[in-house]
Amino acid sequence: MLMISLTKLEKKELHRLAHGILRECLKLRCVNYDEDTPLARGRMGKPFLAERPDIHFNLSHSNGIAACIVSEHECGIDCEEVREYRPAVVKRAFSESERIMIEEAPPEERDLLFFRLWTLKESYIKAIGTGISYPLNTLEFSFEGDCIISSQTDCRFRQIIIDGGKYAVAICEKMSSVT
């Protein structure tokens, strides 16, 4: 995984940067990636390398940050700039226990907690390639210290909080058996 935190850039520039990060990550696997590299798409539109389906990747970018993961497993990554959480999204996309976790958190911790949970959910749906149509409220996370507890036992999740809580990054790798 590689990520870069930047000052505010235009969306188009962040997209270009994310693909540049992917290019560098694929070089480590002796894969040349450029605008002519053939890509194919999965059933729901998730791109993959047409000539190297054994290599999985995913990109993300948000206000001031771009991230990439390359893996031998289906994978997803999401990065978000932490901003004010939206209670309507919590009601729609979070489980009851996640909603309670956010409501019971000290007010100064709620925004980061929301985006920690949100990025974990996004990384999962990006890993499985279904997009936002997945019923997010059925995907549940909690935390025990630094450990991420998930209702998805066939996945490995990791999370990084950057710049004192300014950004949350989550990674999901779908495993045949979790190690």
C-alpha atoms as a PDB file:
ATOM      1  CA  MET A   1       0.000   0.000   0.000  1.00  0.00           C
ATOM      2  CA  LEU A   2       1.177   3.474  -0.796  1.00  0.00           C
ATOM      3  CA  MET A   3      -0.474   6.778  -0.034  1.00  0.00           C
ATOM      4  CA  ILE A   4       0.333  10.407  -0.377  1.00  0.00           C
ATOM      5  CA  SER A   5      -1.141  13.226   1.685  1.00  0.00           C
ATOM      6  CA  LEU A   6      -1.257  16.530  -0.156  1.00  0.00           C
ATOM      7  CA  THR A   7      -2.629  19.975   0.067  1.00  0.00           C
ATOM      8  CA  LYS A   8      -5.999  20.401  -1.640  1.00  0.00           C
ATOM      9  CA  LEU A   9      -5.820  19.349  -5.275  1.00  0.00           C
ATOM     10  CA  GLU A  10      -8.456  19.197  -7.960  1.00  0.00           C
ATOM     11  CA  LYS A  11     -10.266  15.876  -8.338  1.00  0.00           C
ATOM     12  CA  LYS A  12      -8.761  15.288 -11.775  1.00  0.00           C
ATOM     13  CA  GLU A  13      -5.257  15.808 -10.404  1.00  0.00           C
ATOM     14  CA  LEU A  14      -5.920  13.438  -7.492  1.00  0.00           C
ATOM     15  CA  HIS A  15      -7.184  10.809  -9.958  1.00  0.00           C
ATOM     16  CA  ARG A  16      -4.009  11.213 -12.028  1.00  0.00           C
ATOM     17  CA  LEU A  17      -1.888  10.999  -8.886  1.00  0.00           C
ATOM     18  CA  ALA A  18      -3.644   7.814  -7.705  1.00  0.00           C
ATOM     19  CA  HIS A  19      -2.849   6.172 -11.043  1.00  0.00           C
ATOM     20  CA  GLY A  20       0.761   7.337 -10.695  1.00  0.00           C
ATOM     21  CA  ILE A  21       0.920   5.628  -7.309  1.00  0.00           C
ATOM     22  CA  LEU A  22      -0.527   2.477  -8.910  1.00  0.00           C
ATOM     23  CA  ARG A  23       2.133   2.648 -11.624  1.00  0.00           C
ATOM     24  CA  GLU A  24       4.876   2.746  -8.962  1.00  0.00           C
ATOM     25  CA  CYS A  25       3.327  -0.097  -6.948  1.00  0.00           C
ATOM     26  CA  LEU A  26       3.036  -2.293 -10.047  1.00  0.00           C
ATOM     27  CA  LYS A  27       6.691  -1.647 -10.924  1.00  0.00           C
ATOM     28  CA  LEU A  28       7.546  -3.521  -7.721  1.00  0.00           C
ATOM     29  CA  ARG A  29       5.792  -6.531  -9.274  1.00  0.00           C
ATOM     30  CA  CYS A  30       7.563  -6.036 -12.621  1.00  0.00           C
ATOM     31  CA  VAL A  31       4.366  -4.862 -14.294  1.00  0.00           C
ATOM     32  CA  ASN A  32       4.470  -1.904 -16.662  1.00  0.00           C
ATOM     33  CA  TYR A  33       1.311   0.175 -16.214  1.00  0.00           C
ATOM     34  CA  ASP A  34       0.503   3.151 -18.403  1.00  0.00           C
ATOM     35  CA  GLU A  35      -2.423   4.592 -20.375  1.00  0.00           C
ATOM     36  CA  ASP A  36      -2.078   1.744 -22.916  1.00  0.00           C
ATOM     37  CA  THR A  37      -2.246  -1.077 -20.347  1.00  0.00           C
ATOM     38  CA  PRO A  38      -5.323  -3.161 -21.140  1.00  0.00           C
ATOM     39  CA  LEU A  39      -7.877  -3.166 -18.340  1.00  0.00           C
ATOM     40  CA  ALA A  40     -10.908  -5.395 -18.058  1.00  0.00           C
ATOM     41  CA  ARG A  41     -13.911  -4.993 -15.782  1.00  0.00           C
ATOM     42  CA  GLY A  42     -15.598  -7.378 -13.409  1.00  0.00           C
ATOM     43  CA  ARG A  43     -19.328  -8.050 -13.364  1.00  0.00           C
ATOM     44  CA  MET A  44     -20.046  -4.837 -11.435  1.00  0.00           C
ATOM     45  CA  GLY A  45     -17.424  -2.728 -13.223  1.00  0.00           C
ATOM     46  CA  LYS A  46     -14.372  -3.099 -10.956  1.00  0.00           C
ATOM     47  CA  PRO A  47     -11.267  -2.759 -13.145  1.00  0.00           C
ATOM     48  CA  PHE A  48      -8.448  -5.278 -13.246  1.00  0.00           C
ATOM     49  CA  LEU A  49      -5.353  -5.858 -15.357  1.00  0.00           C
ATOM     50  CA  ALA A  50      -6.541  -7.850 -18.387  1.00  0.00           C
ATOM     51  CA  GLU A  51      -3.167  -9.559 -18.808  1.00  0.00           C
ATOM     52  CA  ARG A  52      -2.499 -10.099 -15.077  1.00  0.00           C
ATOM     53  CA  PRO A  53      -5.744 -11.135 -13.350  1.00  0.00           C
ATOM     54  CA  ASP A  54      -3.617 -12.561 -10.513  1.00  0.00           C
ATOM     55  CA  ILE A  55      -2.739  -9.013  -9.415  1.00  0.00           C
ATOM     56  CA  HIS A  56      -5.504  -7.079  -7.696  1.00  0.00           C
ATOM     57  CA  PHE A  57      -5.528  -3.350  -7.051  1.00  0.00           C
ATOM     58  CA  ASN A  58      -7.728  -0.564  -5.862  1.00  0.00           C
ATOM     59  CA  LEU A  59      -7.419   3.225  -5.726  1.00  0.00           C
ATOM     60  CA  SER A  60      -8.955   5.961  -3.635  1.00  0.00           C
ATOM     61  CA  HIS A  61      -8.641   9.697  -3.343  1.00  0.00           C
ATOM     62  CA  SER A  62     -10.272  12.381  -1.297  1.00  0.00           C
ATOM     63  CA  ASN A  63      -9.636  16.018  -0.531  1.00  0.00           C
ATOM     64  CA  GLY A  64      -5.849  16.166  -0.112  1.00  0.00           C
ATOM     65  CA  ILE A  65      -5.022  12.438  -0.145  1.00  0.00           C
ATOM     66  CA  ALA A  66      -4.564   9.620  -2.649  1.00  0.00           C
ATOM     67  CA  ALA A  67      -4.041   5.937  -1.841  1.00  0.00           C
ATOM     68  CA  CYS A  68      -3.450   2.647  -3.621  1.00  0.00           C
ATOM     69  CA  ILE A  69      -3.285  -1.027  -2.667  1.00  0.00           C
ATOM     70  CA  VAL A  70      -1.892  -3.861  -4.793  1.00  0.00           C
ATOM     71  CA  SER A  71      -2.342  -7.423  -3.561  1.00  0.00           C
ATOM     72  CA  GLU A  72      -2.541 -11.071  -4.567  1.00  0.00           C
ATOM     73  CA  HIS A  73      -6.048 -11.023  -3.043  1.00  0.00           C
ATOM     74  CA  GLU A  74      -9.184  -9.109  -3.992  1.00  0.00           C
ATOM     75  CA  CYS A  75      -8.722  -5.819  -2.192  1.00  0.00           C
ATOM     76  CA  GLY A  76     -10.233  -2.429  -1.553  1.00  0.00           C
ATOM     77  CA  ILE A  77      -8.967   0.829  -0.124  1.00  0.00           C
ATOM     78  CA  ASP A  78     -10.769   3.965   0.936  1.00  0.00           C
ATOM     79  CA  CYS A  79      -9.348   7.241   2.184  1.00  0.00           C
ATOM     80  CA  GLU A  80     -11.327  10.182   3.452  1.00  0.00           C
ATOM     81  CA  GLU A  81     -10.636  13.584   4.841  1.00  0.00           C
ATOM     82  CA  VAL A  82     -12.311  13.667   8.253  1.00  0.00           C
ATOM     83  CA  ARG A  83     -15.049  16.263   8.358  1.00  0.00           C
ATOM     84  CA  GLU A  84     -18.336  16.640  10.221  1.00  0.00           C
ATOM     85  CA  TYR A  85     -20.200  13.344  10.326  1.00  0.00           C
ATOM     86  CA  ARG A  86     -23.732  13.115   8.981  1.00  0.00           C
ATOM     87  CA  PRO A  87     -26.318  11.546  11.307  1.00  0.00           C
ATOM     88  CA  ALA A  88     -28.620  10.748   8.347  1.00  0.00           C
ATOM     89  CA  VAL A  89     -25.874   8.553   6.844  1.00  0.00           C
ATOM     90  CA  VAL A  90     -25.420   6.821  10.206  1.00  0.00           C
ATOM     91  CA  LYS A  91     -29.145   5.978  10.286  1.00  0.00           C
ATOM     92  CA  ARG A  92     -29.095   4.646   6.721  1.00  0.00           C
ATOM     93  CA  ALA A  93     -25.718   2.894   6.418  1.00  0.00           C
ATOM     94  CA  PHE A  94     -24.646   1.865   9.922  1.00  0.00           C
ATOM     95  CA  SER A  95     -25.762  -0.993  12.162  1.00  0.00           C
ATOM     96  CA  GLU A  96     -27.560  -0.279  15.409  1.00  0.00           C
ATOM     97  CA  SER A  97     -24.454  -1.047  17.485  1.00  0.00           C
ATOM     98  CA  GLU A  98     -22.326   1.270  15.294  1.00  0.00           C
ATOM     99  CA  ARG A  99     -24.915   4.023  15.700  1.00  0.00           C
ATOM    100  CA  ILE A 100     -24.815   3.592  19.475  1.00  0.00           C
ATOM    101  CA  MET A 101     -20.989   3.581  19.423  1.00  0.00           C
ATOM    102  CA  ILE A 102     -20.981   6.945  17.630  1.00  0.00           C
ATOM    103  CA  GLU A 103     -23.704   8.478  19.823  1.00  0.00           C
ATOM    104  CA  GLU A 104     -21.930   7.388  23.016  1.00  0.00           C
ATOM    105  CA  ALA A 105     -18.511   8.629  21.893  1.00  0.00           C
ATOM    106  CA  PRO A 106     -17.328  11.984  23.244  1.00  0.00           C
ATOM    107  CA  PRO A 107     -18.431  14.736  20.821  1.00  0.00           C
ATOM    108  CA  GLU A 108     -14.834  15.544  19.851  1.00  0.00           C
ATOM    109  CA  GLU A 109     -14.304  11.906  18.721  1.00  0.00           C
ATOM    110  CA  ARG A 110     -17.508  11.357  16.695  1.00  0.00           C
ATOM    111  CA  ASP A 111     -16.319  12.723  13.353  1.00  0.00           C
ATOM    112  CA  LEU A 112     -13.193  10.545  13.289  1.00  0.00           C
ATOM    113  CA  LEU A 113     -15.126   7.500  14.533  1.00  0.00           C
ATOM    114  CA  PHE A 114     -17.719   7.979  11.783  1.00  0.00           C
ATOM    115  CA  PHE A 115     -15.007   8.096   9.107  1.00  0.00           C
ATOM    116  CA  ARG A 116     -13.150   5.138  10.597  1.00  0.00           C
ATOM    117  CA  LEU A 117     -16.310   3.065  10.235  1.00  0.00           C
ATOM    118  CA  TRP A 118     -17.211   4.564   6.849  1.00  0.00           C
ATOM    119  CA  THR A 119     -13.792   3.875   5.292  1.00  0.00           C
ATOM    120  CA  LEU A 120     -13.875   0.290   6.558  1.00  0.00           C
ATOM    121  CA  LYS A 121     -17.279  -0.230   4.937  1.00  0.00           C
ATOM    122  CA  GLU A 122     -16.137   1.407   1.691  1.00  0.00           C
ATOM    123  CA  SER A 123     -12.938  -0.662   1.573  1.00  0.00           C
ATOM    124  CA  TYR A 124     -15.040  -3.830   1.862  1.00  0.00           C
ATOM    125  CA  ILE A 125     -17.511  -2.988  -0.897  1.00  0.00           C
ATOM    126  CA  LYS A 126     -14.618  -1.938  -3.117  1.00  0.00           C
ATOM    127  CA  ALA A 127     -12.847  -5.253  -2.393  1.00  0.00           C
ATOM    128  CA  ILE A 128     -15.885  -7.322  -3.358  1.00  0.00           C
ATOM    129  CA  GLY A 129     -16.634  -5.048  -6.299  1.00  0.00           C
ATOM    130  CA  THR A 130     -20.332  -4.437  -5.645  1.00  0.00           C
ATOM    131  CA  GLY A 131     -20.269  -0.715  -5.103  1.00  0.00           C
ATOM    132  CA  ILE A 132     -22.655   1.241  -2.934  1.00  0.00           C
ATOM    133  CA  SER A 133     -25.571  -1.105  -3.720  1.00  0.00           C
ATOM    134  CA  TYR A 134     -24.330  -3.362  -0.898  1.00  0.00           C
ATOM    135  CA  PRO A 135     -26.511  -3.058   2.248  1.00  0.00           C
ATOM    136  CA  LEU A 136     -23.923  -1.235   4.359  1.00  0.00           C
ATOM    137  CA  ASN A 137     -25.961  -1.496   7.566  1.00  0.00           C
ATOM    138  CA  THR A 138     -25.451  -5.284   7.508  1.00  0.00           C
ATOM    139  CA  LEU A 139     -21.670  -4.868   7.558  1.00  0.00           C
ATOM    140  CA  GLU A 140     -20.633  -4.256  11.147  1.00  0.00           C
ATOM    141  CA  PHE A 141     -17.392  -3.101  12.746  1.00  0.00           C
ATOM    142  CA  SER A 142     -16.185  -2.450  16.259  1.00  0.00           C
ATOM    143  CA  PHE A 143     -12.815  -1.888  17.877  1.00  0.00           C
ATOM    144  CA  GLU A 144     -10.916  -3.562  20.716  1.00  0.00           C
ATOM    145  CA  GLY A 145      -7.899  -1.354  21.262  1.00  0.00           C
ATOM    146  CA  ASP A 146      -6.053  -1.356  17.938  1.00  0.00           C
ATOM    147  CA  CYS A 147      -7.920  -4.444  16.668  1.00  0.00           C
ATOM    148  CA  ILE A 148     -10.700  -4.109  14.121  1.00  0.00           C
ATOM    149  CA  ILE A 149     -13.577  -6.531  14.722  1.00  0.00           C
ATOM    150  CA  SER A 150     -15.704  -7.245  11.657  1.00  0.00           C
ATOM    151  CA  SER A 151     -18.787  -9.248  10.778  1.00  0.00           C
ATOM    152  CA  GLN A 152     -16.862 -10.325   7.641  1.00  0.00           C
ATOM    153  CA  THR A 153     -14.615 -13.141   8.834  1.00  0.00           C
ATOM    154  CA  ASP A 154     -13.248 -13.874   5.348  1.00  0.00           C
ATOM    155  CA  CYS A 155     -11.500 -10.503   5.172  1.00  0.00           C
ATOM    156  CA  ARG A 156      -8.512  -8.828   6.750  1.00  0.00           C
ATOM    157  CA  PHE A 157      -8.928  -5.143   7.606  1.00  0.00           C
ATOM    158  CA  ARG A 158      -6.301  -2.550   8.440  1.00  0.00           C
ATOM    159  CA  GLN A 159      -6.654   1.121   9.173  1.00  0.00           C
ATOM    160  CA  ILE A 160      -4.349   4.103   9.335  1.00  0.00           C
ATOM    161  CA  ILE A 161      -5.187   7.466  10.850  1.00  0.00           C
ATOM    162  CA  ILE A 162      -3.053  10.235   9.361  1.00  0.00           C
ATOM    163  CA  ASP A 163      -2.079  13.716  10.428  1.00  0.00           C
ATOM    164  CA  GLY A 164      -3.531  13.561  13.932  1.00  0.00           C
ATOM    165  CA  GLY A 165      -6.957  12.428  12.738  1.00  0.00           C
ATOM    166  CA  LYS A 166      -7.247  14.594   9.629  1.00  0.00           C
ATOM    167  CA  TYR A 167      -7.516  11.527   7.361  1.00  0.00           C
ATOM    168  CA  ALA A 168      -8.757   7.963   7.755  1.00  0.00           C
ATOM    169  CA  VAL A 169      -7.559   5.196   5.439  1.00  0.00           C
ATOM    170  CA  ALA A 170      -8.949   1.652   5.481  1.00  0.00           C
ATOM    171  CA  ILE A 171      -7.824  -1.447   3.624  1.00  0.00           C
ATOM    172  CA  CYS A 172      -9.699  -4.689   3.060  1.00  0.00           C
ATOM    173  CA  GLU A 173      -8.216  -7.871   1.631  1.00  0.00           C
ATOM    174  CA  LYS A 174     -10.595 -10.720   0.898  1.00  0.00           C
ATOM    175  CA  MET A 175      -8.985 -13.942   2.070  1.00  0.00           C
ATOM    176  CA  SER A 176      -9.866 -17.572   1.478  1.00  0.00           C
ATOM    177  CA  SER A 177      -8.984 -17.989   5.134  1.00  0.00           C
ATOM    178  CA  VAL A 178      -8.001 -15.130   7.404  1.00  0.00           C
ATOM    179  CA  THR A 179      -4.482 -15.320   8.806  1.00  0.00           C
END
